[in-house]
């Protein structure tokens, strides 16, 4: 992605505020591409609802519309790619 000119940030901290308490490093995004696409990387036999909810939480907290789960543990890479969209109330 960098070779194509996209800015790629690794392990980006996402602050979280809960009941008035701010946590500067509440979550960490694996890859944040051009501040418009979140990529979460996994290596497991099967993706769970928890993996999907994690990505959706990141999308919501950052007001980002598009995200991908990449599971390198799937039998084929094609089976290991999940695309998620945060509607952002459009």
N, C-alpha and C. Protein backbone atom coordinates (compact mmCIF):
# COMPACT_ATOMS: atom_id res chain seq x y z
N UNK A 1 0.82 -1.18 0.00
CA UNK A 1 0.00 0.00 0.00
C UNK A 1 0.87 1.25 0.00
N UNK A 2 1.96 1.19 0.76
CA UNK A 2 2.87 2.35 0.77
C UNK A 2 3.46 2.58 -0.62
N UNK A 3 3.76 1.49 -1.33
CA UNK A 3 4.34 1.61 -2.66
C UNK A 3 3.38 2.29 -3.63
N UNK A 4 2.10 2.22 -3.34
CA UNK A 4 1.10 2.88 -4.18
C UNK A 4 0.81 4.30 -3.72
N UNK A 5 1.55 4.76 -2.72
CA UNK A 5 1.42 6.14 -2.28
C UNK A 5 0.46 6.39 -1.13
N UNK A 6 -0.06 5.33 -0.53
CA UNK A 6 -0.97 5.49 0.60
C UNK A 6 -0.19 5.63 1.90
N UNK A 7 -0.68 6.46 2.77
CA UNK A 7 -0.09 6.58 4.10
C UNK A 7 -0.63 5.43 4.95
N UNK A 8 0.27 4.61 5.48
CA UNK A 8 -0.13 3.46 6.28
C UNK A 8 0.47 3.61 7.68
N UNK A 9 -0.40 3.65 8.68
CA UNK A 9 0.04 3.75 10.06
C UNK A 9 -0.21 2.41 10.74
N UNK A 10 0.76 1.98 11.57
CA UNK A 10 0.66 0.70 12.27
C UNK A 10 0.40 0.94 13.75
N UNK A 11 -0.38 0.05 14.35
CA UNK A 11 -0.65 0.08 15.79
C UNK A 11 -1.07 1.47 16.27
N UNK A 12 -2.11 2.00 15.66
CA UNK A 12 -2.60 3.34 15.98
C UNK A 12 -3.49 3.29 17.23
N UNK A 13 -3.16 4.09 18.21
CA UNK A 13 -3.94 4.16 19.45
C UNK A 13 -5.26 4.88 19.20
N UNK A 14 -6.32 4.32 19.74
CA UNK A 14 -7.65 4.93 19.66
C UNK A 14 -8.09 5.25 21.08
N UNK A 15 -8.17 6.54 21.42
CA UNK A 15 -8.59 6.90 22.78
C UNK A 15 -10.06 6.52 23.02
N UNK A 16 -10.37 6.29 24.25
CA UNK A 16 -11.72 5.90 24.64
C UNK A 16 -12.10 6.69 25.89
N UNK A 17 -13.31 7.24 25.90
CA UNK A 17 -13.81 7.93 27.09
C UNK A 17 -14.99 7.15 27.63
N UNK A 18 -14.91 6.80 28.90
CA UNK A 18 -15.97 6.04 29.54
C UNK A 18 -16.32 6.71 30.87
N UNK A 19 -17.56 7.15 30.97
CA UNK A 19 -18.05 7.82 32.19
C UNK A 19 -17.12 8.95 32.63
N UNK A 20 -16.70 9.73 31.66
CA UNK A 20 -15.87 10.89 31.95
C UNK A 20 -14.39 10.62 32.13
N UNK A 21 -14.00 9.36 32.08
CA UNK A 21 -12.58 9.01 32.22
C UNK A 21 -12.03 8.70 30.84
N UNK A 22 -10.96 9.38 30.47
CA UNK A 22 -10.36 9.19 29.14
C UNK A 22 -9.18 8.23 29.23
N UNK A 23 -9.21 7.23 28.37
CA UNK A 23 -8.12 6.27 28.24
C UNK A 23 -7.44 6.55 26.91
N UNK A 24 -6.21 7.05 26.95
CA UNK A 24 -5.51 7.45 25.72
C UNK A 24 -5.23 6.26 24.80
N UNK A 25 -4.99 5.11 25.37
CA UNK A 25 -4.70 3.93 24.54
C UNK A 25 -5.74 2.85 24.80
N UNK A 26 -7.00 3.21 24.60
CA UNK A 26 -8.09 2.27 24.83
C UNK A 26 -8.03 1.07 23.90
N UNK A 27 -7.72 1.33 22.64
CA UNK A 27 -7.64 0.28 21.62
C UNK A 27 -6.46 0.57 20.71
N UNK A 28 -6.07 -0.43 19.92
CA UNK A 28 -5.01 -0.26 18.92
C UNK A 28 -5.45 -0.85 17.58
N UNK A 29 -5.42 -0.02 16.57
CA UNK A 29 -5.76 -0.45 15.21
C UNK A 29 -4.50 -1.04 14.59
N UNK A 30 -4.62 -2.22 13.97
CA UNK A 30 -3.45 -2.84 13.35
C UNK A 30 -2.89 -1.97 12.22
N UNK A 31 -3.72 -1.65 11.24
CA UNK A 31 -3.30 -0.78 10.13
C UNK A 31 -4.39 0.24 9.85
N UNK A 32 -3.98 1.50 9.71
CA UNK A 32 -4.90 2.57 9.37
C UNK A 32 -4.39 3.17 8.07
N UNK A 33 -5.12 2.96 6.99
CA UNK A 33 -4.67 3.36 5.66
C UNK A 33 -5.31 4.69 5.28
N UNK A 34 -4.47 5.69 5.09
CA UNK A 34 -4.90 7.02 4.65
C UNK A 34 -6.00 7.60 5.54
N UNK A 35 -6.02 7.17 6.80
CA UNK A 35 -7.05 7.61 7.75
C UNK A 35 -8.46 7.44 7.19
N UNK A 36 -8.62 6.44 6.29
CA UNK A 36 -9.95 6.19 5.73
C UNK A 36 -10.32 4.71 5.68
N UNK A 37 -9.38 3.81 5.92
CA UNK A 37 -9.65 2.37 5.91
C UNK A 37 -8.91 1.73 7.08
N UNK A 38 -9.63 0.93 7.87
CA UNK A 38 -9.03 0.20 8.98
C UNK A 38 -8.85 -1.25 8.56
N UNK A 39 -7.66 -1.80 8.83
CA UNK A 39 -7.38 -3.20 8.53
C UNK A 39 -6.98 -3.88 9.84
N UNK A 40 -7.74 -4.90 10.21
CA UNK A 40 -7.43 -5.71 11.39
C UNK A 40 -6.93 -7.06 10.91
N UNK A 41 -5.80 -7.48 11.44
CA UNK A 41 -5.15 -8.71 11.00
C UNK A 41 -5.31 -9.78 12.07
N UNK A 42 -5.76 -10.95 11.64
CA UNK A 42 -5.94 -12.09 12.53
C UNK A 42 -5.26 -13.31 11.92
N UNK A 43 -5.03 -14.32 12.76
CA UNK A 43 -4.54 -15.62 12.29
C UNK A 43 -5.19 -16.68 13.16
N UNK A 44 -6.37 -17.10 12.75
CA UNK A 44 -7.17 -18.05 13.52
C UNK A 44 -7.93 -18.95 12.56
N UNK A 45 -8.36 -20.11 13.05
CA UNK A 45 -9.11 -21.02 12.18
C UNK A 45 -10.40 -20.38 11.68
N UNK A 46 -11.11 -19.71 12.57
CA UNK A 46 -12.38 -19.08 12.22
C UNK A 46 -12.49 -17.72 12.87
N UNK A 47 -13.02 -16.76 12.13
CA UNK A 47 -13.32 -15.46 12.72
C UNK A 47 -14.61 -15.58 13.54
N UNK A 48 -14.64 -14.89 14.66
CA UNK A 48 -15.82 -14.94 15.54
C UNK A 48 -16.56 -13.61 15.48
N UNK A 49 -17.72 -13.60 16.12
CA UNK A 49 -18.47 -12.34 16.23
C UNK A 49 -17.66 -11.30 16.98
N UNK A 50 -16.84 -11.73 17.94
CA UNK A 50 -16.00 -10.79 18.70
C UNK A 50 -15.02 -10.07 17.78
N UNK A 51 -14.47 -10.76 16.79
CA UNK A 51 -13.56 -10.13 15.84
C UNK A 51 -14.30 -9.07 15.03
N UNK A 52 -15.50 -9.41 14.58
CA UNK A 52 -16.30 -8.47 13.79
C UNK A 52 -16.71 -7.25 14.63
N UNK A 53 -17.11 -7.50 15.87
CA UNK A 53 -17.50 -6.40 16.76
C UNK A 53 -16.31 -5.49 17.07
N UNK A 54 -15.13 -6.08 17.19
CA UNK A 54 -13.92 -5.29 17.43
C UNK A 54 -13.71 -4.30 16.28
N UNK A 55 -13.78 -4.79 15.06
CA UNK A 55 -13.59 -3.91 13.91
C UNK A 55 -14.68 -2.85 13.84
N UNK A 56 -15.93 -3.25 14.07
CA UNK A 56 -17.02 -2.28 14.03
C UNK A 56 -16.85 -1.20 15.11
N UNK A 57 -16.37 -1.59 16.27
CA UNK A 57 -16.08 -0.62 17.34
C UNK A 57 -15.03 0.37 16.89
N UNK A 58 -13.96 -0.11 16.27
CA UNK A 58 -12.90 0.78 15.77
C UNK A 58 -13.46 1.74 14.72
N UNK A 59 -14.29 1.23 13.82
CA UNK A 59 -14.89 2.08 12.79
C UNK A 59 -15.72 3.18 13.43
N UNK A 60 -16.51 2.83 14.42
CA UNK A 60 -17.38 3.81 15.07
C UNK A 60 -16.58 4.84 15.86
N UNK A 61 -15.58 4.39 16.62
CA UNK A 61 -14.80 5.31 17.45
C UNK A 61 -13.99 6.30 16.62
N UNK A 62 -13.62 5.92 15.41
CA UNK A 62 -12.80 6.79 14.57
C UNK A 62 -13.60 7.48 13.47
N UNK A 63 -14.91 7.25 13.43
CA UNK A 63 -15.76 7.78 12.36
C UNK A 63 -15.22 7.40 10.99
N UNK A 64 -14.77 6.18 10.88
CA UNK A 64 -14.25 5.65 9.61
C UNK A 64 -15.32 4.79 8.98
N UNK A 65 -15.45 4.86 7.68
CA UNK A 65 -16.54 4.16 6.99
C UNK A 65 -16.21 2.72 6.62
N UNK A 66 -14.96 2.42 6.23
CA UNK A 66 -14.64 1.11 5.67
C UNK A 66 -13.55 0.40 6.46
N UNK A 67 -13.75 -0.91 6.65
CA UNK A 67 -12.75 -1.71 7.34
C UNK A 67 -12.69 -3.12 6.79
N UNK A 68 -11.55 -3.76 6.98
CA UNK A 68 -11.36 -5.14 6.54
C UNK A 68 -10.78 -5.97 7.67
N UNK A 69 -11.27 -7.19 7.81
CA UNK A 69 -10.65 -8.20 8.65
C UNK A 69 -9.89 -9.12 7.71
N UNK A 70 -8.60 -9.30 7.96
CA UNK A 70 -7.80 -10.23 7.16
C UNK A 70 -7.38 -11.37 8.06
N UNK A 71 -7.86 -12.57 7.75
CA UNK A 71 -7.55 -13.74 8.56
C UNK A 71 -6.58 -14.64 7.79
N UNK A 72 -5.32 -14.62 8.21
CA UNK A 72 -4.31 -15.43 7.56
C UNK A 72 -4.36 -16.89 7.99
N UNK A 73 -5.25 -17.23 8.91
CA UNK A 73 -5.40 -18.62 9.34
C UNK A 73 -6.47 -19.37 8.56
N UNK A 74 -7.19 -18.69 7.68
CA UNK A 74 -8.24 -19.34 6.89
C UNK A 74 -7.61 -20.29 5.87
N UNK A 75 -8.41 -21.25 5.40
CA UNK A 75 -7.88 -22.23 4.46
C UNK A 75 -7.41 -21.58 3.16
N UNK A 76 -8.11 -20.54 2.72
CA UNK A 76 -7.64 -19.73 1.58
C UNK A 76 -7.78 -18.26 1.96
N UNK A 77 -6.97 -17.43 1.38
CA UNK A 77 -7.04 -16.00 1.71
C UNK A 77 -8.39 -15.43 1.30
N UNK A 78 -8.95 -15.94 0.23
CA UNK A 78 -10.26 -15.47 -0.22
C UNK A 78 -11.31 -15.66 0.89
N UNK A 79 -11.22 -16.78 1.60
CA UNK A 79 -12.15 -17.04 2.70
C UNK A 79 -11.82 -16.22 3.94
N UNK A 80 -10.63 -15.65 3.99
CA UNK A 80 -10.19 -14.92 5.17
C UNK A 80 -10.36 -13.42 5.10
N UNK A 81 -11.08 -12.92 4.11
CA UNK A 81 -11.28 -11.48 3.97
C UNK A 81 -12.73 -11.12 4.26
N UNK A 82 -12.92 -10.23 5.22
CA UNK A 82 -14.27 -9.74 5.56
C UNK A 82 -14.26 -8.23 5.43
N UNK A 83 -15.20 -7.70 4.66
CA UNK A 83 -15.34 -6.25 4.46
C UNK A 83 -16.49 -5.78 5.34
N UNK A 84 -16.27 -4.67 6.06
CA UNK A 84 -17.32 -4.11 6.91
C UNK A 84 -17.46 -2.62 6.63
N UNK A 85 -18.70 -2.14 6.68
CA UNK A 85 -18.99 -0.74 6.44
C UNK A 85 -19.72 -0.17 7.64
N UNK A 86 -19.26 0.98 8.09
CA UNK A 86 -19.91 1.73 9.16
C UNK A 86 -20.78 2.78 8.49
N UNK A 87 -22.08 2.69 8.66
CA UNK A 87 -22.99 3.60 7.95
C UNK A 87 -22.92 5.04 8.41
N UNK A 88 -22.43 5.30 9.60
CA UNK A 88 -22.25 6.66 10.12
C UNK A 88 -23.52 7.49 10.09
N UNK A 89 -24.67 6.83 10.06
CA UNK A 89 -25.94 7.55 10.11
C UNK A 89 -26.27 8.31 8.85
N UNK A 90 -25.72 7.89 7.70
CA UNK A 90 -26.00 8.60 6.43
C UNK A 90 -27.46 8.50 6.08
